[in-house]
Amino acid sequence: MSTIANWPVTERPRERLFAHGAAALTDAELIAVVLGAGHARASALDVARDLLGRHRSLSALFGESLASLAVRTASGRRGQPSSRPASSSRGDCCARK
């Protein structure tokens, strides 16, 4: 797995967000920015794509409880909850106007 940190700066979601705004990013890229990091087997973008693939829309994804999302891995299997604290406002930063 290639980590996003190894990607060219112009292709990294967070840097693209700062340079071009949220409208320039895909839904998966916006979610990856909110996630901040992936895990040993998947980048944040991989995890974001998996979440969108399973939920089919941002509305459905944001309708899930944080506890439910925290125990999922990129492979779709249940795992241990993330050690990263969940914030109830995470979805708010990605809302498009």
C-alpha atoms as a PDB file:
ATOM      1  CA  MET A   1       0.000   0.000   0.000  1.00  0.00           C
ATOM      2  CA  SER A   2       1.262   3.430  -0.904  1.00  0.00           C
ATOM      3  CA  THR A   3       0.562   6.032   1.736  1.00  0.00           C
ATOM      4  CA  ILE A   4      -0.827   9.386   0.658  1.00  0.00           C
ATOM      5  CA  ALA A   5       2.278  11.035   2.139  1.00  0.00           C
ATOM      6  CA  ASN A   6       4.285   9.366  -0.649  1.00  0.00           C
ATOM      7  CA  TRP A   7       2.079  10.828  -3.390  1.00  0.00           C
ATOM      8  CA  PRO A   8       3.067  13.968  -5.304  1.00  0.00           C
ATOM      9  CA  VAL A   9       1.927  17.026  -3.345  1.00  0.00           C
ATOM     10  CA  THR A  10      -0.402  18.114  -6.173  1.00  0.00           C
ATOM     11  CA  GLU A  11      -2.333  14.810  -5.924  1.00  0.00           C
ATOM     12  CA  ARG A  12      -2.860  14.693  -2.146  1.00  0.00           C
ATOM     13  CA  PRO A  13      -6.478  15.380  -1.127  1.00  0.00           C
ATOM     14  CA  ARG A  14      -5.701  17.762   1.750  1.00  0.00           C
ATOM     15  CA  GLU A  15      -3.336  19.868  -0.327  1.00  0.00           C
ATOM     16  CA  ARG A  16      -5.813  19.936  -3.215  1.00  0.00           C
ATOM     17  CA  LEU A  17      -8.524  21.061  -0.781  1.00  0.00           C
ATOM     18  CA  PHE A  18      -6.365  23.969   0.409  1.00  0.00           C
ATOM     19  CA  ALA A  19      -5.294  24.924  -3.104  1.00  0.00           C
ATOM     20  CA  HIS A  20      -8.568  24.520  -5.005  1.00  0.00           C
ATOM     21  CA  GLY A  21     -11.418  24.236  -2.486  1.00  0.00           C
ATOM     22  CA  ALA A  22     -13.882  21.467  -1.691  1.00  0.00           C
ATOM     23  CA  ALA A  23     -15.584  21.644  -5.088  1.00  0.00           C
ATOM     24  CA  ALA A  24     -12.392  20.317  -6.722  1.00  0.00           C
ATOM     25  CA  LEU A  25     -12.419  17.089  -4.691  1.00  0.00           C
ATOM     26  CA  THR A  26     -14.466  13.935  -5.046  1.00  0.00           C
ATOM     27  CA  ASP A  27     -16.686  12.813  -2.179  1.00  0.00           C
ATOM     28  CA  ALA A  28     -14.135  10.103  -1.354  1.00  0.00           C
ATOM     29  CA  GLU A  29     -11.315  12.650  -1.229  1.00  0.00           C
ATOM     30  CA  LEU A  30     -13.322  14.875   1.113  1.00  0.00           C
ATOM     31  CA  ILE A  31     -14.019  11.939   3.410  1.00  0.00           C
ATOM     32  CA  ALA A  32     -10.318  11.002   3.321  1.00  0.00           C
ATOM     33  CA  VAL A  33      -9.440  14.519   4.506  1.00  0.00           C
ATOM     34  CA  VAL A  34     -11.899  14.160   7.375  1.00  0.00           C
ATOM     35  CA  LEU A  35     -10.531  10.717   8.280  1.00  0.00           C
ATOM     36  CA  GLY A  36      -7.006  12.083   8.315  1.00  0.00           C
ATOM     37  CA  ALA A  37      -5.354   8.659   8.125  1.00  0.00           C
ATOM     38  CA  GLY A  38      -5.989   5.150   6.981  1.00  0.00           C
ATOM     39  CA  HIS A  39      -4.595   2.029   8.613  1.00  0.00           C
ATOM     40  CA  ALA A  40      -1.881  -0.552   7.970  1.00  0.00           C
ATOM     41  CA  ARG A  41      -3.644  -2.056   4.929  1.00  0.00           C
ATOM     42  CA  ALA A  42      -5.355   0.968   3.394  1.00  0.00           C
ATOM     43  CA  SER A  43      -4.851   4.686   2.903  1.00  0.00           C
ATOM     44  CA  ALA A  44      -7.452   7.179   4.098  1.00  0.00           C
ATOM     45  CA  LEU A  45      -8.659   7.416   0.495  1.00  0.00           C
ATOM     46  CA  ASP A  46      -9.031   3.630   0.272  1.00  0.00           C
ATOM     47  CA  VAL A  47     -11.077   3.629   3.486  1.00  0.00           C
ATOM     48  CA  ALA A  48     -13.198   6.534   2.208  1.00  0.00           C
ATOM     49  CA  ARG A  49     -13.894   4.746  -1.087  1.00  0.00           C
ATOM     50  CA  ASP A  50     -14.854   1.595   0.800  1.00  0.00           C
ATOM     51  CA  LEU A  51     -17.252   3.535   3.050  1.00  0.00           C
ATOM     52  CA  LEU A  52     -18.885   5.225   0.074  1.00  0.00           C
ATOM     53  CA  GLY A  53     -19.096   1.939  -1.800  1.00  0.00           C
ATOM     54  CA  ARG A  54     -20.945   0.303   1.065  1.00  0.00           C
ATOM     55  CA  HIS A  55     -23.263   3.227   1.777  1.00  0.00           C
ATOM     56  CA  ARG A  56     -23.773   4.435  -1.832  1.00  0.00           C
ATOM     57  CA  SER A  57     -24.169   8.122  -0.881  1.00  0.00           C
ATOM     58  CA  LEU A  58     -22.918  10.775   1.506  1.00  0.00           C
ATOM     59  CA  SER A  59     -26.401  11.023   2.995  1.00  0.00           C
ATOM     60  CA  ALA A  60     -26.462   7.320   3.839  1.00  0.00           C
ATOM     61  CA  LEU A  61     -22.902   7.442   5.164  1.00  0.00           C
ATOM     62  CA  PHE A  62     -23.609  10.418   7.406  1.00  0.00           C
ATOM     63  CA  GLY A  63     -26.730   8.639   8.648  1.00  0.00           C
ATOM     64  CA  GLU A  64     -24.563   5.915  10.205  1.00  0.00           C
ATOM     65  CA  SER A  65     -23.609   6.209  13.844  1.00  0.00           C
ATOM     66  CA  LEU A  66     -19.984   7.017  14.601  1.00  0.00           C
ATOM     67  CA  ALA A  67     -19.772   3.868  16.716  1.00  0.00           C
ATOM     68  CA  SER A  68     -20.870   1.759  13.764  1.00  0.00           C
ATOM     69  CA  LEU A  69     -18.353   3.393  11.443  1.00  0.00           C
ATOM     70  CA  ALA A  70     -15.526   3.120  13.974  1.00  0.00           C
ATOM     71  CA  VAL A  71     -15.624  -0.687  14.045  1.00  0.00           C
ATOM     72  CA  ARG A  72     -15.462  -1.165  10.288  1.00  0.00           C
ATOM     73  CA  THR A  73     -12.288  -1.727   8.318  1.00  0.00           C
ATOM     74  CA  ALA A  74     -11.603  -1.106   4.648  1.00  0.00           C
ATOM     75  CA  SER A  75     -12.287  -4.785   3.968  1.00  0.00           C
ATOM     76  CA  GLY A  76     -15.780  -4.430   5.378  1.00  0.00           C
ATOM     77  CA  ARG A  77     -15.128  -6.744   8.317  1.00  0.00           C
ATOM     78  CA  ARG A  78     -15.924  -5.814  11.852  1.00  0.00           C
ATOM     79  CA  GLY A  79     -12.851  -4.977  13.846  1.00  0.00           C
ATOM     80  CA  GLN A  80     -11.811  -3.163  16.955  1.00  0.00           C
ATOM     81  CA  PRO A  81     -12.970   0.411  17.424  1.00  0.00           C
ATOM     82  CA  SER A  82     -10.488   3.000  16.306  1.00  0.00           C
ATOM     83  CA  SER A  83      -8.179   4.366  18.976  1.00  0.00           C
ATOM     84  CA  ARG A  84      -8.743   7.784  17.464  1.00  0.00           C
ATOM     85  CA  PRO A  85     -11.471   9.738  19.282  1.00  0.00           C
ATOM     86  CA  ALA A  86     -14.596  10.328  17.219  1.00  0.00           C
ATOM     87  CA  SER A  87     -16.021  13.809  16.961  1.00  0.00           C
ATOM     88  CA  SER A  88     -19.703  14.336  16.332  1.00  0.00           C
ATOM     89  CA  SER A  89     -18.931  17.240  13.994  1.00  0.00           C
ATOM     90  CA  ARG A  90     -16.732  15.291  11.560  1.00  0.00           C
ATOM     91  CA  GLY A  91     -19.378  15.183   8.846  1.00  0.00           C
ATOM     92  CA  ASP A  92     -20.040  18.907   9.116  1.00  0.00           C
ATOM     93  CA  CYS A  93     -16.721  19.895   7.571  1.00  0.00           C
ATOM     94  CA  CYS A  94     -17.476  18.088   4.313  1.00  0.00           C
ATOM     95  CA  ALA A  95     -20.920  19.492   3.679  1.00  0.00           C
ATOM     96  CA  ARG A  96     -21.034  21.094   0.268  1.00  0.00           C
ATOM     97  CA  LYS A  97     -22.946  24.291  -0.223  1.00  0.00           C
END
